[in-house]
Amino acid sequence: MGKKEKAVKVVLDTNILVSALLFKGELARLVELWKGGRIIPLFSKETFDEFRTVLTYPKLKLSQTEIATIIEAEVLPFFEVIEATEVVSGICKDPDDDKFIACAVSGGAGVLVTGDQQLCDVRVHKTVKVINAADFLRMFV
């Protein structure tokens, strides 16, 4: 009998997460990975608040019912909500991105997946590797 693969704790930045949930394509594989228990995505209050806010953007054309369904059926049953106890400041060029690194470090995630080149430029902070989605998905081929 084979050894069971341990799920990887990961932080998905908001754009990656929204794209995985709403648009068909390569990023939709992320949904399969968390639903299949191969990855455990993490949220902090700060990263969840940003995600919830982005879902209300008019360009996404989601109703309140659709937003509630996405959050309650597609996300929260599979995500681990952590308290971002790690103080991260000035690591990213955009200070608004520091919350993703704080979430990853605080939750013990080894990887932060982003499409943001400025965030990718961080590469590593403490125990967290910052990589793009294509590189992350190659880990699961």
N, C-alpha and C. Protein backbone atom coordinates (compact mmCIF):
# COMPACT_ATOMS: atom_id res chain seq x y z
N MET A 1 0.84 -1.18 0.00
CA MET A 1 0.00 0.00 0.00
C MET A 1 0.88 1.23 0.00
N GLY A 2 0.54 2.24 -0.85
CA GLY A 2 1.35 3.45 -0.96
C GLY A 2 1.15 4.39 0.21
N LYS A 3 2.16 5.18 0.44
CA LYS A 3 2.09 6.17 1.50
C LYS A 3 1.21 7.34 1.04
N LYS A 4 0.31 7.78 1.90
CA LYS A 4 -0.57 8.87 1.55
C LYS A 4 0.21 10.19 1.54
N GLU A 5 0.02 10.93 0.47
CA GLU A 5 0.67 12.22 0.30
C GLU A 5 0.07 13.23 1.29
N LYS A 6 0.94 13.97 1.95
CA LYS A 6 0.47 14.97 2.91
C LYS A 6 0.02 16.22 2.15
N ALA A 7 -1.12 16.77 2.56
CA ALA A 7 -1.64 17.98 1.93
C ALA A 7 -0.70 19.14 2.18
N VAL A 8 -0.56 19.99 1.18
CA VAL A 8 0.32 21.15 1.23
C VAL A 8 -0.49 22.37 1.66
N LYS A 9 -0.04 23.04 2.72
CA LYS A 9 -0.67 24.30 3.13
C LYS A 9 -0.19 25.40 2.20
N VAL A 10 -1.14 26.18 1.72
CA VAL A 10 -0.83 27.19 0.71
C VAL A 10 -1.71 28.42 0.92
N VAL A 11 -1.18 29.58 0.57
CA VAL A 11 -1.98 30.80 0.51
C VAL A 11 -2.11 31.18 -0.95
N LEU A 12 -3.35 31.42 -1.38
CA LEU A 12 -3.63 31.84 -2.75
C LEU A 12 -3.99 33.31 -2.71
N ASP A 13 -3.29 34.12 -3.50
CA ASP A 13 -3.67 35.53 -3.48
C ASP A 13 -5.06 35.68 -4.10
N THR A 14 -5.68 36.81 -3.90
CA THR A 14 -7.08 37.00 -4.27
C THR A 14 -7.32 36.80 -5.76
N ASN A 15 -6.46 37.34 -6.61
CA ASN A 15 -6.68 37.19 -8.05
C ASN A 15 -6.61 35.73 -8.49
N ILE A 16 -5.68 34.99 -7.94
CA ILE A 16 -5.55 33.56 -8.25
C ILE A 16 -6.81 32.83 -7.80
N LEU A 17 -7.25 33.11 -6.59
CA LEU A 17 -8.42 32.44 -6.03
C LEU A 17 -9.68 32.74 -6.84
N VAL A 18 -9.91 34.00 -7.16
CA VAL A 18 -11.09 34.38 -7.94
C VAL A 18 -11.04 33.74 -9.32
N SER A 19 -9.88 33.77 -9.95
CA SER A 19 -9.75 33.15 -11.28
C SER A 19 -10.00 31.65 -11.22
N ALA A 20 -9.49 30.98 -10.20
CA ALA A 20 -9.70 29.54 -10.06
C ALA A 20 -11.17 29.20 -9.91
N LEU A 21 -11.90 30.03 -9.19
CA LEU A 21 -13.31 29.76 -8.93
C LEU A 21 -14.25 30.16 -10.07
N LEU A 22 -13.93 31.23 -10.75
CA LEU A 22 -14.90 31.81 -11.70
C LEU A 22 -14.61 31.57 -13.17
N PHE A 23 -13.37 31.28 -13.50
CA PHE A 23 -13.02 31.18 -14.92
C PHE A 23 -12.48 29.80 -15.22
N LYS A 24 -12.87 29.26 -16.35
CA LYS A 24 -12.36 27.96 -16.78
C LYS A 24 -10.91 28.14 -17.20
N GLY A 25 -10.17 27.08 -17.16
CA GLY A 25 -8.77 27.17 -17.56
C GLY A 25 -7.90 26.46 -16.56
N GLU A 26 -6.61 26.66 -16.73
CA GLU A 26 -5.62 25.96 -15.91
C GLU A 26 -5.80 26.19 -14.41
N LEU A 27 -6.15 27.42 -14.03
CA LEU A 27 -6.28 27.71 -12.60
C LEU A 27 -7.43 26.96 -11.94
N ALA A 28 -8.40 26.52 -12.72
CA ALA A 28 -9.50 25.74 -12.15
C ALA A 28 -8.99 24.44 -11.52
N ARG A 29 -7.80 24.00 -11.90
CA ARG A 29 -7.20 22.81 -11.27
C ARG A 29 -6.97 23.02 -9.78
N LEU A 30 -6.78 24.27 -9.36
CA LEU A 30 -6.59 24.54 -7.94
C LEU A 30 -7.81 24.11 -7.14
N VAL A 31 -9.00 24.34 -7.68
CA VAL A 31 -10.23 23.94 -7.00
C VAL A 31 -10.24 22.42 -6.81
N GLU A 32 -9.86 21.69 -7.85
CA GLU A 32 -9.78 20.22 -7.74
C GLU A 32 -8.79 19.81 -6.66
N LEU A 33 -7.67 20.53 -6.58
CA LEU A 33 -6.65 20.19 -5.59
C LEU A 33 -7.16 20.38 -4.17
N TRP A 34 -7.88 21.49 -3.90
CA TRP A 34 -8.36 21.66 -2.52
C TRP A 34 -9.54 20.76 -2.23
N LYS A 35 -10.41 20.54 -3.20
CA LYS A 35 -11.54 19.63 -2.97
C LYS A 35 -11.07 18.19 -2.81
N GLY A 36 -9.96 17.85 -3.45
CA GLY A 36 -9.40 16.51 -3.35
C GLY A 36 -8.48 16.33 -2.15
N GLY A 37 -8.32 17.38 -1.35
CA GLY A 37 -7.52 17.27 -0.13
C GLY A 37 -6.02 17.28 -0.37
N ARG A 38 -5.58 17.66 -1.57
CA ARG A 38 -4.14 17.68 -1.84
C ARG A 38 -3.49 18.97 -1.38
N ILE A 39 -4.29 20.04 -1.32
CA ILE A 39 -3.79 21.29 -0.76
C ILE A 39 -4.79 21.79 0.28
N ILE A 40 -4.27 22.52 1.25
CA ILE A 40 -5.11 23.17 2.26
C ILE A 40 -4.85 24.66 2.13
N PRO A 41 -5.76 25.37 1.45
CA PRO A 41 -5.59 26.81 1.34
C PRO A 41 -5.90 27.48 2.67
N LEU A 42 -5.18 28.55 2.95
CA LEU A 42 -5.36 29.28 4.20
C LEU A 42 -5.95 30.66 3.95
N PHE A 43 -6.75 31.10 4.88
CA PHE A 43 -7.27 32.47 4.92
C PHE A 43 -6.94 33.05 6.28
N SER A 44 -6.64 34.33 6.30
CA SER A 44 -6.67 35.09 7.54
C SER A 44 -7.88 36.01 7.42
N LYS A 45 -8.25 36.68 8.48
CA LYS A 45 -9.37 37.62 8.40
C LYS A 45 -9.11 38.63 7.30
N GLU A 46 -7.88 39.12 7.22
CA GLU A 46 -7.54 40.16 6.25
C GLU A 46 -7.62 39.65 4.80
N THR A 47 -7.11 38.45 4.55
CA THR A 47 -7.16 37.94 3.18
C THR A 47 -8.58 37.55 2.80
N PHE A 48 -9.35 37.02 3.75
CA PHE A 48 -10.74 36.68 3.47
C PHE A 48 -11.56 37.93 3.18
N ASP A 49 -11.35 38.99 3.96
CA ASP A 49 -12.09 40.24 3.74
C ASP A 49 -11.82 40.77 2.33
N GLU A 50 -10.58 40.72 1.88
CA GLU A 50 -10.28 41.19 0.53
C GLU A 50 -10.99 40.32 -0.51
N PHE A 51 -10.95 39.00 -0.33
CA PHE A 51 -11.61 38.08 -1.24
C PHE A 51 -13.11 38.39 -1.33
N ARG A 52 -13.74 38.52 -0.19
CA ARG A 52 -15.18 38.79 -0.15
C ARG A 52 -15.50 40.12 -0.84
N THR A 53 -14.68 41.12 -0.63
CA THR A 53 -14.87 42.42 -1.27
C THR A 53 -14.75 42.32 -2.79
N VAL A 54 -13.73 41.61 -3.26
CA VAL A 54 -13.51 41.47 -4.71
C VAL A 54 -14.70 40.77 -5.37
N LEU A 55 -15.29 39.80 -4.69
CA LEU A 55 -16.46 39.11 -5.27
C LEU A 55 -17.62 40.06 -5.53
N THR A 56 -17.67 41.19 -4.85
CA THR A 56 -18.76 42.15 -5.05
C THR A 56 -18.49 43.15 -6.18
N TYR A 57 -17.30 43.10 -6.79
CA TYR A 57 -16.99 44.04 -7.86
C TYR A 57 -17.99 43.90 -9.00
N PRO A 58 -18.51 45.01 -9.49
CA PRO A 58 -19.51 44.97 -10.57
C PRO A 58 -19.06 44.19 -11.81
N LYS A 59 -17.77 44.25 -12.15
CA LYS A 59 -17.32 43.55 -13.36
C LYS A 59 -17.48 42.03 -13.27
N LEU A 60 -17.57 41.49 -12.06
CA LEU A 60 -17.77 40.04 -11.91
C LEU A 60 -19.23 39.64 -12.05
N LYS A 61 -20.13 40.60 -11.90
CA LYS A 61 -21.58 40.38 -12.11
C LYS A 61 -22.14 39.21 -11.30
N LEU A 62 -21.74 39.13 -10.03
CA LEU A 62 -22.24 38.07 -9.15
C LEU A 62 -23.34 38.63 -8.25
N SER A 63 -24.40 37.86 -8.10
CA SER A 63 -25.46 38.25 -7.17
C SER A 63 -25.02 37.93 -5.75
N GLN A 64 -25.72 38.48 -4.77
CA GLN A 64 -25.42 38.17 -3.37
C GLN A 64 -25.59 36.68 -3.10
N THR A 65 -26.56 36.05 -3.74
CA THR A 65 -26.78 34.61 -3.58
C THR A 65 -25.61 33.82 -4.15
N GLU A 66 -25.13 34.22 -5.32
CA GLU A 66 -23.98 33.54 -5.92
C GLU A 66 -22.73 33.70 -5.06
N ILE A 67 -22.53 34.89 -4.53
CA ILE A 67 -21.38 35.13 -3.65
C ILE A 67 -21.47 34.24 -2.41
N ALA A 68 -22.65 34.18 -1.81
CA ALA A 68 -22.84 33.34 -0.61
C ALA A 68 -22.58 31.87 -0.94
N THR A 69 -23.05 31.42 -2.09
CA THR A 69 -22.85 30.02 -2.49
C THR A 69 -21.37 29.73 -2.69
N ILE A 70 -20.66 30.62 -3.36
CA ILE A 70 -19.22 30.42 -3.57
C ILE A 70 -18.50 30.30 -2.23
N ILE A 71 -18.80 31.24 -1.33
CA ILE A 71 -18.12 31.24 -0.04
C ILE A 71 -18.49 30.02 0.79
N GLU A 72 -19.78 29.70 0.86
CA GLU A 72 -20.25 28.63 1.75
C GLU A 72 -20.04 27.22 1.19
N ALA A 73 -20.07 27.06 -0.13
CA ALA A 73 -19.97 25.71 -0.70
C ALA A 73 -18.61 25.40 -1.31
N GLU A 74 -17.97 26.40 -1.90
CA GLU A 74 -16.73 26.16 -2.63
C GLU A 74 -15.47 26.50 -1.84
N VAL A 75 -15.61 27.37 -0.84
CA VAL A 75 -14.41 27.88 -0.17
C VAL A 75 -14.32 27.43 1.29
N LEU A 76 -15.22 27.91 2.12
CA LEU A 76 -15.06 27.68 3.57
C LEU A 76 -14.97 26.22 3.99
N PRO A 77 -15.67 25.28 3.34
CA PRO A 77 -15.50 23.88 3.78
C PRO A 77 -14.08 23.33 3.57
N PHE A 78 -13.31 23.97 2.72
CA PHE A 78 -12.01 23.43 2.33
C PHE A 78 -10.82 24.26 2.82
N PHE A 79 -11.08 25.48 3.25
CA PHE A 79 -10.01 26.40 3.66
C PHE A 79 -9.84 26.37 5.17
N GLU A 80 -8.62 26.56 5.60
CA GLU A 80 -8.34 26.68 7.03
C GLU A 80 -8.23 28.18 7.33
N VAL A 81 -8.98 28.63 8.31
CA VAL A 81 -8.94 30.03 8.70
C VAL A 81 -7.99 30.16 9.88
N ILE A 82 -6.99 31.01 9.71
CA ILE A 82 -5.97 31.17 10.75
C ILE A 82 -5.94 32.62 11.22
N GLU A 83 -5.33 32.82 12.36
CA GLU A 83 -5.11 34.18 12.86
C GLU A 83 -3.71 34.59 12.43
N ALA A 84 -3.64 35.72 11.73
CA ALA A 84 -2.34 36.22 11.26
C ALA A 84 -1.63 36.90 12.43
N THR A 85 -0.83 36.13 13.14
CA THR A 85 -0.12 36.64 14.31
C THR A 85 1.23 37.23 13.93
N GLU A 86 1.75 36.83 12.78
CA GLU A 86 3.05 37.32 12.31
C GLU A 86 2.88 38.73 11.77
N VAL A 87 3.69 39.64 12.25
CA VAL A 87 3.66 41.01 11.75
C VAL A 87 4.60 41.10 10.55
N VAL A 88 4.02 41.46 9.41
CA VAL A 88 4.80 41.59 8.18
C VAL A 88 4.57 42.98 7.64
N SER A 89 5.64 43.73 7.47
CA SER A 89 5.52 45.10 6.99
C SER A 89 6.72 45.45 6.13
N GLY A 90 6.44 46.03 4.97
CA GLY A 90 7.52 46.50 4.12
C GLY A 90 8.22 45.41 3.32
N ILE A 91 7.68 44.22 3.28
CA ILE A 91 8.29 43.14 2.52
C ILE A 91 7.95 43.29 1.04
N CYS A 92 6.71 43.64 0.76
CA CYS A 92 6.24 43.77 -0.62
C CYS A 92 6.27 45.23 -1.06
N LYS A 93 6.45 45.44 -2.37
CA LYS A 93 6.41 46.80 -2.90
C LYS A 93 5.05 47.43 -2.65
N ASP A 94 3.99 46.62 -2.76
CA ASP A 94 2.64 47.08 -2.45
C ASP A 94 2.33 46.64 -1.02
N PRO A 95 2.24 47.58 -0.08
CA PRO A 95 2.02 47.21 1.32
C PRO A 95 0.75 46.38 1.54
N ASP A 96 -0.21 46.50 0.62
CA ASP A 96 -1.45 45.73 0.73
C ASP A 96 -1.21 44.23 0.54
N ASP A 97 -0.06 43.87 -0.06
CA ASP A 97 0.25 42.45 -0.27
C ASP A 97 0.90 41.79 0.94
N ASP A 98 1.38 42.58 1.88
CA ASP A 98 2.03 42.01 3.06
C ASP A 98 1.11 41.05 3.82
N LYS A 99 -0.20 41.29 3.75
CA LYS A 99 -1.14 40.43 4.48
C LYS A 99 -1.09 38.97 4.00
N PHE A 100 -0.75 38.75 2.73
CA PHE A 100 -0.67 37.39 2.22
C PHE A 100 0.55 36.67 2.78
N ILE A 101 1.64 37.38 2.89
CA ILE A 101 2.85 36.79 3.49
C ILE A 101 2.61 36.54 4.98
N ALA A 102 1.96 37.49 5.65
CA ALA A 102 1.64 37.31 7.07
C ALA A 102 0.77 36.08 7.28
N CYS A 103 -0.20 35.88 6.41
CA CYS A 103 -1.09 34.71 6.50
C CYS A 103 -0.28 33.43 6.31
N ALA A 104 0.59 33.41 5.31
CA ALA A 104 1.37 32.21 5.03
C ALA A 104 2.30 31.86 6.18
N VAL A 105 3.02 32.85 6.68
CA VAL A 105 3.97 32.60 7.78
C VAL A 105 3.21 32.17 9.04
N SER A 106 2.14 32.89 9.36
CA SER A 106 1.36 32.59 10.57
C SER A 106 0.71 31.21 10.52
N GLY A 107 0.28 30.80 9.32
CA GLY A 107 -0.43 29.52 9.18
C GLY A 107 0.46 28.34 8.86
N GLY A 108 1.75 28.58 8.72
CA GLY A 108 2.66 27.49 8.42
C GLY A 108 2.59 27.02 6.98
N ALA A 109 2.14 27.89 6.07
CA ALA A 109 2.11 27.53 4.65
C ALA A 109 3.51 27.63 4.09
N GLY A 110 3.88 26.69 3.27
CA GLY A 110 5.19 26.72 2.65
C GLY A 110 5.21 27.51 1.36
N VAL A 111 4.01 27.79 0.82
CA VAL A 111 3.91 28.42 -0.49
C VAL A 111 2.84 29.50 -0.50
N LEU A 112 3.15 30.59 -1.17
CA LEU A 112 2.19 31.64 -1.50
C LEU A 112 2.13 31.68 -3.01
N VAL A 113 0.93 31.46 -3.57
CA VAL A 113 0.75 31.43 -5.01
C VAL A 113 0.14 32.76 -5.45
N THR A 114 0.79 33.39 -6.42
CA THR A 114 0.35 34.70 -6.87
C THR A 114 0.60 34.88 -8.35
N GLY A 115 -0.16 35.77 -8.94
CA GLY A 115 0.08 36.18 -10.32
C GLY A 115 0.69 37.56 -10.36
N ASP A 116 0.91 38.15 -9.20
CA ASP A 116 1.43 39.50 -9.06
C ASP A 116 2.96 39.46 -9.15
N GLN A 117 3.51 40.03 -10.23
CA GLN A 117 4.96 39.96 -10.43
C GLN A 117 5.73 40.62 -9.29
N GLN A 118 5.23 41.74 -8.76
CA GLN A 118 5.92 42.39 -7.64
C GLN A 118 5.97 41.48 -6.43
N LEU A 119 4.90 40.74 -6.19
CA LEU A 119 4.88 39.80 -5.07
C LEU A 119 5.81 38.63 -5.37
N CYS A 120 5.80 38.14 -6.61
CA CYS A 120 6.71 37.06 -7.00
C CYS A 120 8.17 37.46 -6.81
N ASP A 121 8.46 38.75 -6.97
CA ASP A 121 9.83 39.23 -6.81
C ASP A 121 10.36 39.01 -5.39
N VAL A 122 9.46 38.85 -4.42
CA VAL A 122 9.88 38.56 -3.04
C VAL A 122 10.59 37.21 -2.99
N ARG A 123 10.12 36.26 -3.75
CA ARG A 123 10.64 34.90 -3.88
C ARG A 123 10.56 34.07 -2.62
N VAL A 124 11.20 34.50 -1.55
CA VAL A 124 11.17 33.75 -0.29
C VAL A 124 11.12 34.75 0.86
N HIS A 125 10.25 34.45 1.82
CA HIS A 125 10.26 35.21 3.08
C HIS A 125 10.13 34.19 4.20
N LYS A 126 11.13 34.14 5.04
CA LYS A 126 11.21 33.14 6.11
C LYS A 126 11.06 31.76 5.48
N THR A 127 9.99 31.03 5.83
CA THR A 127 9.81 29.66 5.32
C THR A 127 8.85 29.60 4.14
N VAL A 128 8.45 30.74 3.59
CA VAL A 128 7.43 30.79 2.55
C VAL A 128 8.06 31.09 1.19
N LYS A 129 7.82 30.19 0.22
CA LYS A 129 8.22 30.43 -1.16
C LYS A 129 7.08 31.14 -1.86
N VAL A 130 7.38 32.18 -2.60
CA VAL A 130 6.38 32.92 -3.37
C VAL A 130 6.56 32.51 -4.83
N ILE A 131 5.54 31.86 -5.41
CA ILE A 131 5.66 31.37 -6.78
C ILE A 131 4.39 31.67 -7.58
N ASN A 132 4.53 31.59 -8.90
CA ASN A 132 3.36 31.79 -9.75
C ASN A 132 2.55 30.50 -9.84
N ALA A 133 1.35 30.60 -10.35
CA ALA A 133 0.42 29.47 -10.38
C ALA A 133 0.93 28.33 -11.26
N ALA A 134 1.53 28.67 -12.40
CA ALA A 134 2.02 27.61 -13.30
C ALA A 134 3.07 26.76 -12.60
N ASP A 135 4.00 27.39 -11.90
CA ASP A 135 5.03 26.63 -11.17
C ASP A 135 4.41 25.79 -10.06
N PHE A 136 3.42 26.35 -9.38
CA PHE A 136 2.76 25.60 -8.31
C PHE A 136 2.03 24.39 -8.88
N LEU A 137 1.29 24.58 -9.95
CA LEU A 137 0.53 23.46 -10.52
C LEU A 137 1.44 22.36 -11.05
N ARG A 138 2.63 22.71 -11.50
CA ARG A 138 3.58 21.68 -11.96
C ARG A 138 3.98 20.74 -10.83
N MET A 139 3.85 21.18 -9.59
CA MET A 139 4.18 20.32 -8.44
C MET A 139 3.20 19.16 -8.31
N PHE A 140 2.06 19.25 -9.01
CA PHE A 140 0.98 18.26 -8.85
C PHE A 140 0.70 17.49 -10.13
N VAL A 141 1.68 17.37 -10.99
CA VAL A 141 1.50 16.65 -12.26
C VAL A 141 1.63 15.17 -11.99
